[in-house]
């Protein structure tokens, strides 16, 4: 025994794909219109349009905004469209839905920019642990986009992986 310690992981051809390196930067804001409802239940067009006209939209400058109504009531689609028009000059992103819907949208935009062909015939580990909360949808979508290219796909850390997919020979 020569006593030499060999780091097999460092010498491995495995590529670690770290989603957190692609984290979409920017402040997230949820704009909930529940407070604009008459008696907490009804959207009155005249009152809503007055609020939209008087509201300070500049506070959303360069922010990612999710527009929603957390009250279980019927809101006409035009109201959300009106919010989009008002936010457009200021917000970086506007999405209808929850904060999680916004996160998924932002991550999907990031995934659209990645050239997954660079992982052609390579073993890839999609890193699992992160300080950033990454929606499960994004792990699933990354897997879908990586499969046509990677030789082998795993989840976790290079020293401890869970096999996910192996290309047929």
N, C-alpha and C. Protein backbone atom coordinates (compact mmCIF):
# COMPACT_ATOMS: atom_id res chain seq x y z
N UNK A 1 0.84 -1.19 0.00
CA UNK A 1 0.00 0.00 0.00
C UNK A 1 0.88 1.24 0.00
N UNK A 2 0.66 2.11 -0.96
CA UNK A 2 1.52 3.27 -1.11
C UNK A 2 1.18 4.40 -0.15
N UNK A 3 -0.02 4.40 0.40
CA UNK A 3 -0.41 5.43 1.35
C UNK A 3 -0.91 6.70 0.69
N UNK A 4 -0.90 6.74 -0.64
CA UNK A 4 -1.37 7.92 -1.35
C UNK A 4 -2.90 7.95 -1.34
N UNK A 5 -3.46 9.10 -0.96
CA UNK A 5 -4.90 9.27 -0.96
C UNK A 5 -5.30 9.90 -2.29
N UNK A 6 -6.23 9.24 -2.97
CA UNK A 6 -6.69 9.73 -4.26
C UNK A 6 -8.14 10.21 -4.12
N UNK A 7 -8.36 11.43 -4.52
CA UNK A 7 -9.71 11.99 -4.51
C UNK A 7 -10.40 11.58 -5.80
N UNK A 8 -11.14 10.49 -5.73
CA UNK A 8 -11.78 9.96 -6.93
C UNK A 8 -12.88 10.90 -7.43
N UNK A 9 -13.52 11.62 -6.55
CA UNK A 9 -14.57 12.55 -6.95
C UNK A 9 -14.00 13.70 -7.76
N UNK A 10 -12.88 14.25 -7.29
CA UNK A 10 -12.24 15.35 -8.01
C UNK A 10 -11.75 14.91 -9.38
N UNK A 11 -11.35 13.67 -9.51
CA UNK A 11 -10.84 13.14 -10.78
C UNK A 11 -11.95 12.56 -11.66
N UNK A 12 -13.15 12.60 -11.21
CA UNK A 12 -14.29 12.03 -11.91
C UNK A 12 -14.74 12.96 -13.05
N UNK A 13 -15.32 12.38 -14.11
CA UNK A 13 -15.85 13.21 -15.20
C UNK A 13 -17.23 13.80 -14.88
N UNK A 14 -17.74 13.54 -13.68
CA UNK A 14 -19.07 14.00 -13.30
C UNK A 14 -19.10 15.53 -13.22
N UNK A 15 -20.14 16.08 -13.81
CA UNK A 15 -20.37 17.53 -13.75
C UNK A 15 -21.47 17.78 -12.72
N UNK A 16 -21.22 18.71 -11.82
CA UNK A 16 -22.23 19.08 -10.84
C UNK A 16 -22.96 20.32 -11.36
N UNK A 17 -24.26 20.16 -11.56
CA UNK A 17 -25.10 21.26 -12.03
C UNK A 17 -25.74 21.91 -10.81
N UNK A 18 -25.34 23.13 -10.51
CA UNK A 18 -25.79 23.83 -9.30
C UNK A 18 -26.83 24.89 -9.67
N UNK A 19 -28.08 24.55 -9.43
CA UNK A 19 -29.16 25.48 -9.76
C UNK A 19 -29.01 26.81 -9.04
N UNK A 20 -28.52 26.79 -7.81
CA UNK A 20 -28.42 28.04 -7.05
C UNK A 20 -27.53 29.07 -7.75
N UNK A 21 -26.62 28.62 -8.61
CA UNK A 21 -25.77 29.56 -9.35
C UNK A 21 -26.58 30.36 -10.37
N UNK A 22 -27.76 29.90 -10.68
CA UNK A 22 -28.62 30.56 -11.66
C UNK A 22 -29.76 31.33 -11.01
N UNK A 23 -29.71 31.49 -9.71
CA UNK A 23 -30.81 32.13 -8.97
C UNK A 23 -31.18 33.48 -9.59
N UNK A 24 -32.46 33.66 -9.95
CA UNK A 24 -32.89 34.94 -10.52
C UNK A 24 -32.91 36.03 -9.45
N UNK A 25 -32.06 37.00 -9.62
CA UNK A 25 -31.90 38.08 -8.65
C UNK A 25 -33.08 39.05 -8.70
N UNK A 26 -33.27 39.80 -7.65
CA UNK A 26 -34.27 40.84 -7.62
C UNK A 26 -35.29 40.62 -6.51
N UNK A 27 -35.83 41.74 -6.04
CA UNK A 27 -36.82 41.69 -4.97
C UNK A 27 -38.16 41.21 -5.50
N UNK A 28 -38.82 40.36 -4.70
CA UNK A 28 -40.14 39.85 -5.03
C UNK A 28 -41.19 40.54 -4.19
N UNK A 29 -42.34 40.87 -4.82
CA UNK A 29 -43.43 41.54 -4.13
C UNK A 29 -44.74 40.89 -4.56
N UNK A 30 -45.63 40.68 -3.61
CA UNK A 30 -46.97 40.21 -3.93
C UNK A 30 -47.93 41.40 -3.77
N UNK A 31 -48.64 41.71 -4.84
CA UNK A 31 -49.64 42.78 -4.83
C UNK A 31 -51.00 42.10 -4.73
N UNK A 32 -51.56 42.15 -3.53
CA UNK A 32 -52.85 41.51 -3.24
C UNK A 32 -53.92 42.59 -3.25
N UNK A 33 -54.92 42.43 -4.11
CA UNK A 33 -55.95 43.48 -4.25
C UNK A 33 -57.12 43.30 -3.28
N UNK A 34 -57.01 42.41 -2.32
CA UNK A 34 -58.11 42.15 -1.38
C UNK A 34 -58.59 43.41 -0.67
N UNK A 35 -57.68 44.33 -0.39
CA UNK A 35 -58.06 45.56 0.32
C UNK A 35 -58.81 46.55 -0.58
N UNK A 36 -58.87 46.25 -1.86
CA UNK A 36 -59.57 47.13 -2.80
C UNK A 36 -61.01 46.67 -3.05
N UNK A 37 -61.43 45.63 -2.35
CA UNK A 37 -62.78 45.08 -2.54
C UNK A 37 -63.78 45.78 -1.62
N UNK A 38 -64.93 46.10 -2.16
CA UNK A 38 -66.01 46.68 -1.38
C UNK A 38 -66.55 45.61 -0.45
N UNK A 39 -66.61 45.93 0.83
CA UNK A 39 -67.05 45.01 1.89
C UNK A 39 -66.27 43.69 1.85
N UNK A 40 -65.04 43.77 1.37
CA UNK A 40 -64.15 42.60 1.34
C UNK A 40 -64.58 41.52 0.37
N UNK A 41 -65.54 41.84 -0.52
CA UNK A 41 -66.06 40.80 -1.41
C UNK A 41 -66.28 41.22 -2.85
N UNK A 42 -66.49 42.48 -3.11
CA UNK A 42 -66.92 42.91 -4.44
C UNK A 42 -65.94 43.92 -5.02
N UNK A 43 -65.56 43.69 -6.26
CA UNK A 43 -64.72 44.64 -6.97
C UNK A 43 -65.63 45.62 -7.71
N UNK A 44 -65.60 46.86 -7.27
CA UNK A 44 -66.40 47.88 -7.94
C UNK A 44 -65.49 48.63 -8.89
N UNK A 45 -65.86 48.64 -10.15
CA UNK A 45 -64.99 49.19 -11.19
C UNK A 45 -64.58 50.64 -10.93
N UNK A 46 -65.52 51.48 -10.59
CA UNK A 46 -65.20 52.91 -10.39
C UNK A 46 -64.18 53.07 -9.26
N UNK A 47 -64.41 52.41 -8.13
CA UNK A 47 -63.49 52.51 -7.00
C UNK A 47 -62.12 51.93 -7.34
N UNK A 48 -62.13 50.80 -8.04
CA UNK A 48 -60.87 50.15 -8.39
C UNK A 48 -60.06 51.02 -9.34
N UNK A 49 -60.72 51.57 -10.33
CA UNK A 49 -60.01 52.45 -11.28
C UNK A 49 -59.46 53.69 -10.58
N UNK A 50 -60.19 54.22 -9.63
CA UNK A 50 -59.70 55.37 -8.86
C UNK A 50 -58.45 54.98 -8.07
N UNK A 51 -58.49 53.82 -7.44
CA UNK A 51 -57.32 53.33 -6.68
C UNK A 51 -56.12 53.15 -7.61
N UNK A 52 -56.34 52.56 -8.76
CA UNK A 52 -55.25 52.34 -9.73
C UNK A 52 -54.65 53.67 -10.15
N UNK A 53 -55.51 54.65 -10.38
CA UNK A 53 -55.04 55.97 -10.81
C UNK A 53 -54.21 56.67 -9.73
N UNK A 54 -54.59 56.51 -8.46
CA UNK A 54 -53.94 57.21 -7.35
C UNK A 54 -52.76 56.45 -6.75
N UNK A 55 -52.67 55.16 -7.00
CA UNK A 55 -51.64 54.32 -6.39
C UNK A 55 -50.25 54.71 -6.88
N UNK A 56 -49.26 54.65 -5.99
CA UNK A 56 -47.88 54.96 -6.34
C UNK A 56 -47.21 53.71 -6.94
N UNK A 57 -47.22 53.61 -8.25
CA UNK A 57 -46.67 52.44 -8.93
C UNK A 57 -45.15 52.43 -8.95
N UNK A 58 -44.53 53.57 -8.69
CA UNK A 58 -43.07 53.64 -8.71
C UNK A 58 -42.43 52.79 -7.60
N UNK A 59 -43.20 52.44 -6.58
CA UNK A 59 -42.66 51.59 -5.51
C UNK A 59 -42.31 50.19 -6.00
N UNK A 60 -42.75 49.84 -7.19
CA UNK A 60 -42.47 48.52 -7.77
C UNK A 60 -41.32 48.56 -8.77
N UNK A 61 -40.61 49.67 -8.79
CA UNK A 61 -39.50 49.85 -9.73
C UNK A 61 -38.51 48.70 -9.63
N UNK A 62 -38.26 48.03 -10.75
CA UNK A 62 -37.28 46.94 -10.88
C UNK A 62 -37.56 45.74 -9.98
N UNK A 63 -38.80 45.56 -9.57
CA UNK A 63 -39.16 44.41 -8.72
C UNK A 63 -39.91 43.37 -9.54
N UNK A 64 -39.90 42.16 -9.04
CA UNK A 64 -40.69 41.08 -9.61
C UNK A 64 -42.00 41.05 -8.82
N UNK A 65 -43.12 41.18 -9.51
CA UNK A 65 -44.41 41.34 -8.84
C UNK A 65 -45.38 40.21 -9.22
N UNK A 66 -45.98 39.62 -8.19
CA UNK A 66 -47.07 38.67 -8.37
C UNK A 66 -48.35 39.39 -8.01
N UNK A 67 -49.31 39.42 -8.92
CA UNK A 67 -50.60 40.05 -8.62
C UNK A 67 -51.62 38.97 -8.32
N UNK A 68 -52.40 39.20 -7.28
CA UNK A 68 -53.35 38.18 -6.84
C UNK A 68 -54.47 38.81 -6.03
N UNK A 69 -55.44 37.99 -5.68
CA UNK A 69 -56.46 38.36 -4.71
C UNK A 69 -56.62 37.16 -3.78
N UNK A 70 -56.30 37.36 -2.52
CA UNK A 70 -56.31 36.25 -1.56
C UNK A 70 -57.69 35.97 -0.99
N UNK A 71 -58.67 36.77 -1.37
CA UNK A 71 -60.05 36.55 -0.93
C UNK A 71 -60.74 35.66 -1.97
N UNK A 72 -61.53 34.71 -1.48
CA UNK A 72 -62.25 33.81 -2.37
C UNK A 72 -63.49 34.51 -2.91
N UNK A 73 -63.29 35.22 -4.01
CA UNK A 73 -64.37 35.94 -4.67
C UNK A 73 -64.09 35.98 -6.16
N UNK A 74 -65.05 36.40 -6.92
CA UNK A 74 -64.87 36.48 -8.36
C UNK A 74 -64.32 37.86 -8.72
N UNK A 75 -63.17 37.85 -9.37
CA UNK A 75 -62.55 39.09 -9.85
C UNK A 75 -62.53 39.01 -11.37
N UNK A 76 -63.04 40.04 -12.00
CA UNK A 76 -63.03 40.07 -13.46
C UNK A 76 -61.59 40.18 -13.97
N UNK A 77 -61.32 39.51 -15.05
CA UNK A 77 -59.98 39.46 -15.63
C UNK A 77 -59.44 40.85 -15.96
N UNK A 78 -60.31 41.76 -16.38
CA UNK A 78 -59.86 43.10 -16.75
C UNK A 78 -59.11 43.79 -15.61
N UNK A 79 -59.46 43.46 -14.36
CA UNK A 79 -58.81 44.11 -13.21
C UNK A 79 -57.33 43.76 -13.18
N UNK A 80 -57.01 42.50 -13.41
CA UNK A 80 -55.61 42.08 -13.42
C UNK A 80 -54.88 42.65 -14.63
N UNK A 81 -55.60 42.75 -15.73
CA UNK A 81 -55.01 43.35 -16.94
C UNK A 81 -54.67 44.82 -16.69
N UNK A 82 -55.55 45.51 -15.98
CA UNK A 82 -55.33 46.91 -15.64
C UNK A 82 -54.10 47.06 -14.74
N UNK A 83 -53.93 46.12 -13.82
CA UNK A 83 -52.74 46.14 -12.97
C UNK A 83 -51.46 45.96 -13.79
N UNK A 84 -51.52 45.05 -14.75
CA UNK A 84 -50.36 44.83 -15.64
C UNK A 84 -49.98 46.12 -16.36
N UNK A 85 -50.96 46.81 -16.89
CA UNK A 85 -50.71 48.06 -17.61
C UNK A 85 -50.06 49.08 -16.67
N UNK A 86 -50.52 49.16 -15.44
CA UNK A 86 -49.98 50.13 -14.48
C UNK A 86 -48.59 49.75 -14.00
N UNK A 87 -48.33 48.47 -13.87
CA UNK A 87 -47.02 48.00 -13.40
C UNK A 87 -45.96 47.99 -14.49
N UNK A 88 -46.38 47.85 -15.72
CA UNK A 88 -45.46 47.67 -16.85
C UNK A 88 -44.30 48.66 -16.89
N UNK A 89 -44.52 49.95 -16.70
CA UNK A 89 -43.39 50.89 -16.80
C UNK A 89 -42.37 50.75 -15.65
N UNK A 90 -42.74 50.06 -14.59
CA UNK A 90 -41.90 50.01 -13.41
C UNK A 90 -41.34 48.63 -13.09
N UNK A 91 -42.19 47.65 -13.02
CA UNK A 91 -41.79 46.31 -12.57
C UNK A 91 -40.92 45.61 -13.61
N UNK A 92 -40.01 44.81 -13.11
CA UNK A 92 -39.16 44.00 -13.98
C UNK A 92 -39.96 42.83 -14.54
N UNK A 93 -40.83 42.26 -13.69
CA UNK A 93 -41.65 41.11 -14.07
C UNK A 93 -43.02 41.26 -13.41
N UNK A 94 -44.07 40.87 -14.12
CA UNK A 94 -45.42 40.83 -13.54
C UNK A 94 -46.02 39.47 -13.90
N UNK A 95 -46.49 38.79 -12.87
CA UNK A 95 -47.09 37.47 -13.04
C UNK A 95 -48.39 37.44 -12.26
N UNK A 96 -49.41 36.79 -12.82
CA UNK A 96 -50.64 36.57 -12.08
C UNK A 96 -50.45 35.31 -11.26
N UNK A 97 -50.70 35.39 -9.95
CA UNK A 97 -50.60 34.20 -9.10
C UNK A 97 -49.91 34.49 -7.79
N UNK A 98 -49.49 33.42 -7.17
CA UNK A 98 -48.86 33.50 -5.86
C UNK A 98 -47.37 33.81 -5.97
N UNK A 99 -46.74 33.96 -4.82
CA UNK A 99 -45.30 34.15 -4.78
C UNK A 99 -44.60 32.94 -5.39
N UNK A 100 -45.14 31.74 -5.12
CA UNK A 100 -44.53 30.53 -5.70
C UNK A 100 -44.69 30.51 -7.22
N UNK A 101 -45.82 30.97 -7.72
CA UNK A 101 -46.01 31.08 -9.18
C UNK A 101 -44.97 32.02 -9.78
N UNK A 102 -44.71 33.10 -9.07
CA UNK A 102 -43.69 34.06 -9.51
C UNK A 102 -42.32 33.40 -9.54
N UNK A 103 -41.98 32.67 -8.48
CA UNK A 103 -40.68 31.98 -8.43
C UNK A 103 -40.52 31.01 -9.58
N UNK A 104 -41.54 30.23 -9.83
CA UNK A 104 -41.48 29.25 -10.93
C UNK A 104 -41.28 29.98 -12.25
N UNK A 105 -42.01 31.05 -12.46
CA UNK A 105 -41.88 31.82 -13.69
C UNK A 105 -40.45 32.34 -13.86
N UNK A 106 -39.90 32.93 -12.81
CA UNK A 106 -38.55 33.48 -12.88
C UNK A 106 -37.52 32.39 -13.18
N UNK A 107 -37.66 31.25 -12.50
CA UNK A 107 -36.75 30.13 -12.73
C UNK A 107 -36.88 29.61 -14.16
N UNK A 108 -38.10 29.51 -14.68
CA UNK A 108 -38.29 29.03 -16.04
C UNK A 108 -37.61 29.96 -17.05
N UNK A 109 -37.69 31.26 -16.79
CA UNK A 109 -36.99 32.21 -17.64
C UNK A 109 -35.48 31.94 -17.63
N UNK A 110 -34.94 31.62 -16.48
CA UNK A 110 -33.51 31.30 -16.36
C UNK A 110 -33.20 30.02 -17.12
N UNK A 111 -34.01 28.98 -16.93
CA UNK A 111 -33.77 27.71 -17.62
C UNK A 111 -33.81 27.88 -19.13
N UNK A 112 -34.64 28.79 -19.60
CA UNK A 112 -34.72 29.05 -21.05
C UNK A 112 -33.42 29.60 -21.62
N UNK A 113 -32.57 30.15 -20.77
CA UNK A 113 -31.31 30.74 -21.21
C UNK A 113 -30.14 29.75 -21.19
N UNK A 114 -30.33 28.59 -20.61
CA UNK A 114 -29.24 27.62 -20.46
C UNK A 114 -29.18 26.71 -21.68
N UNK A 115 -27.98 26.55 -22.20
CA UNK A 115 -27.75 25.63 -23.32
C UNK A 115 -27.41 24.26 -22.72
N UNK A 116 -28.41 23.40 -22.63
CA UNK A 116 -28.21 22.09 -22.02
C UNK A 116 -27.39 21.15 -22.90
N UNK A 117 -27.18 21.50 -24.16
CA UNK A 117 -26.38 20.64 -25.04
C UNK A 117 -24.92 20.56 -24.59
N UNK A 118 -24.51 21.48 -23.75
CA UNK A 118 -23.13 21.43 -23.23
C UNK A 118 -22.90 20.21 -22.34
N UNK A 119 -23.97 19.53 -21.97
CA UNK A 119 -23.86 18.34 -21.11
C UNK A 119 -23.99 17.04 -21.92
N UNK A 120 -23.85 17.17 -23.23
CA UNK A 120 -23.96 16.04 -24.14
C UNK A 120 -23.03 14.90 -23.73
N UNK A 121 -23.63 13.71 -23.52
CA UNK A 121 -22.90 12.48 -23.17
C UNK A 121 -22.02 12.60 -21.94
N UNK A 122 -22.44 13.42 -21.01
CA UNK A 122 -21.68 13.60 -19.77
C UNK A 122 -22.52 13.13 -18.59
N UNK A 123 -21.89 12.58 -17.57
CA UNK A 123 -22.62 12.26 -16.33
C UNK A 123 -22.83 13.56 -15.54
N UNK A 124 -24.07 13.82 -15.14
CA UNK A 124 -24.41 15.07 -14.47
C UNK A 124 -25.11 14.77 -13.15
N UNK A 125 -24.70 15.51 -12.12
CA UNK A 125 -25.38 15.47 -10.83
C UNK A 125 -26.06 16.82 -10.65
N UNK A 126 -27.37 16.80 -10.48
CA UNK A 126 -28.09 18.02 -10.16
C UNK A 126 -28.01 18.17 -8.65
N UNK A 127 -27.28 19.20 -8.23
CA UNK A 127 -27.01 19.40 -6.80
C UNK A 127 -28.32 19.60 -6.05
N UNK A 128 -28.44 18.91 -4.92
CA UNK A 128 -29.68 18.92 -4.17
C UNK A 128 -29.74 19.94 -3.05
N UNK A 129 -28.71 20.04 -2.26
CA UNK A 129 -28.75 20.94 -1.10
C UNK A 129 -28.38 22.36 -1.53
N UNK A 130 -29.15 23.32 -1.04
CA UNK A 130 -28.90 24.71 -1.39
C UNK A 130 -29.42 25.60 -0.28
N UNK A 131 -28.82 26.75 -0.12
CA UNK A 131 -29.30 27.74 0.83
C UNK A 131 -30.51 28.48 0.28
N UNK A 132 -30.73 28.34 -1.02
CA UNK A 132 -31.83 28.99 -1.70
C UNK A 132 -32.96 27.97 -1.88
N UNK A 133 -34.18 28.39 -1.59
CA UNK A 133 -35.32 27.49 -1.82
C UNK A 133 -35.63 27.46 -3.32
N UNK A 134 -35.46 26.28 -3.88
CA UNK A 134 -35.70 26.09 -5.31
C UNK A 134 -36.97 25.25 -5.45
N UNK A 135 -37.96 25.74 -6.18
CA UNK A 135 -39.22 24.98 -6.31
C UNK A 135 -38.99 23.60 -6.93
N UNK A 136 -39.71 22.62 -6.45
CA UNK A 136 -39.62 21.25 -6.98
C UNK A 136 -39.87 21.25 -8.48
N UNK A 137 -40.77 22.08 -8.94
CA UNK A 137 -41.05 22.19 -10.38
C UNK A 137 -39.78 22.44 -11.18
N UNK A 138 -38.87 23.20 -10.62
CA UNK A 138 -37.64 23.55 -11.33
C UNK A 138 -36.71 22.35 -11.41
N UNK A 139 -36.65 21.54 -10.36
CA UNK A 139 -35.86 20.30 -10.43
C UNK A 139 -36.43 19.36 -11.49
N UNK A 140 -37.75 19.26 -11.53
CA UNK A 140 -38.40 18.39 -12.52
C UNK A 140 -38.13 18.91 -13.93
N UNK A 141 -38.27 20.20 -14.13
CA UNK A 141 -38.04 20.80 -15.44
C UNK A 141 -36.58 20.69 -15.86
N UNK A 142 -35.66 20.87 -14.93
CA UNK A 142 -34.24 20.72 -15.23
C UNK A 142 -33.95 19.29 -15.68
N UNK A 143 -34.56 18.33 -15.01
CA UNK A 143 -34.41 16.93 -15.39
C UNK A 143 -34.90 16.71 -16.81
N UNK A 144 -36.08 17.24 -17.12
CA UNK A 144 -36.65 17.09 -18.46
C UNK A 144 -35.74 17.67 -19.53
N UNK A 145 -35.16 18.82 -19.25
CA UNK A 145 -34.31 19.49 -20.22
C UNK A 145 -32.93 18.84 -20.33
N UNK A 146 -32.47 18.24 -19.25
CA UNK A 146 -31.14 17.62 -19.22
C UNK A 146 -31.14 16.22 -19.85
N UNK A 147 -32.25 15.51 -19.74
CA UNK A 147 -32.31 14.11 -20.20
C UNK A 147 -31.87 13.87 -21.65
N UNK A 148 -32.28 14.68 -22.61
CA UNK A 148 -31.87 14.39 -23.99
C UNK A 148 -30.36 14.48 -24.22
N UNK A 149 -29.66 15.12 -23.30
CA UNK A 149 -28.24 15.33 -23.50
C UNK A 149 -27.34 14.49 -22.59
N UNK A 150 -27.67 14.43 -21.32
CA UNK A 150 -26.75 13.78 -20.38
C UNK A 150 -26.69 12.27 -20.57
N UNK A 151 -25.53 11.73 -20.30
CA UNK A 151 -25.31 10.28 -20.37
C UNK A 151 -25.95 9.60 -19.16
N UNK A 152 -25.82 10.27 -18.03
CA UNK A 152 -26.33 9.76 -16.77
C UNK A 152 -26.72 10.97 -15.93
N UNK A 153 -27.83 10.85 -15.24
CA UNK A 153 -28.33 11.96 -14.43
C UNK A 153 -28.58 11.46 -13.02
N UNK A 154 -28.05 12.23 -12.05
CA UNK A 154 -28.23 11.89 -10.65
C UNK A 154 -28.63 13.14 -9.88
N UNK A 155 -29.06 12.92 -8.65
CA UNK A 155 -29.47 14.02 -7.78
C UNK A 155 -28.68 13.90 -6.48
N UNK A 156 -28.27 15.02 -5.93
CA UNK A 156 -27.58 15.03 -4.64
C UNK A 156 -26.24 15.72 -4.73
N UNK A 157 -25.21 15.06 -4.19
CA UNK A 157 -23.84 15.55 -4.20
C UNK A 157 -22.99 14.48 -4.89
N UNK A 158 -21.87 14.85 -5.53
CA UNK A 158 -21.06 13.84 -6.22
C UNK A 158 -20.63 12.67 -5.32
N UNK A 159 -20.47 12.92 -4.03
CA UNK A 159 -20.05 11.85 -3.12
C UNK A 159 -21.22 10.98 -2.66
N UNK A 160 -22.44 11.44 -2.87
CA UNK A 160 -23.62 10.71 -2.42
C UNK A 160 -24.80 11.06 -3.32
N UNK A 161 -24.98 10.27 -4.39
CA UNK A 161 -26.01 10.61 -5.36
C UNK A 161 -27.12 9.58 -5.40
N UNK A 162 -28.26 10.03 -5.90
CA UNK A 162 -29.39 9.15 -6.16
C UNK A 162 -29.51 9.07 -7.68
N UNK A 163 -29.37 7.89 -8.27
CA UNK A 163 -29.49 7.78 -9.73
C UNK A 163 -30.92 8.13 -10.17
N UNK A 164 -31.01 8.91 -11.24
CA UNK A 164 -32.30 9.35 -11.76
C UNK A 164 -32.54 8.80 -13.17
N UNK A 165 -31.52 8.86 -14.00
CA UNK A 165 -31.69 8.49 -15.40
C UNK A 165 -30.35 8.04 -15.98
N UNK A 166 -30.43 7.05 -16.86
CA UNK A 166 -29.24 6.59 -17.58
C UNK A 166 -29.64 6.36 -19.04
N UNK A 167 -28.92 6.99 -19.95
CA UNK A 167 -29.22 6.89 -21.36
C UNK A 167 -28.99 5.46 -21.83
N UNK A 168 -29.91 4.94 -22.62
CA UNK A 168 -29.76 3.58 -23.16
C UNK A 168 -28.60 3.56 -24.16
N UNK A 169 -27.91 2.43 -24.17
CA UNK A 169 -26.75 2.32 -25.09
C UNK A 169 -27.17 1.93 -26.47
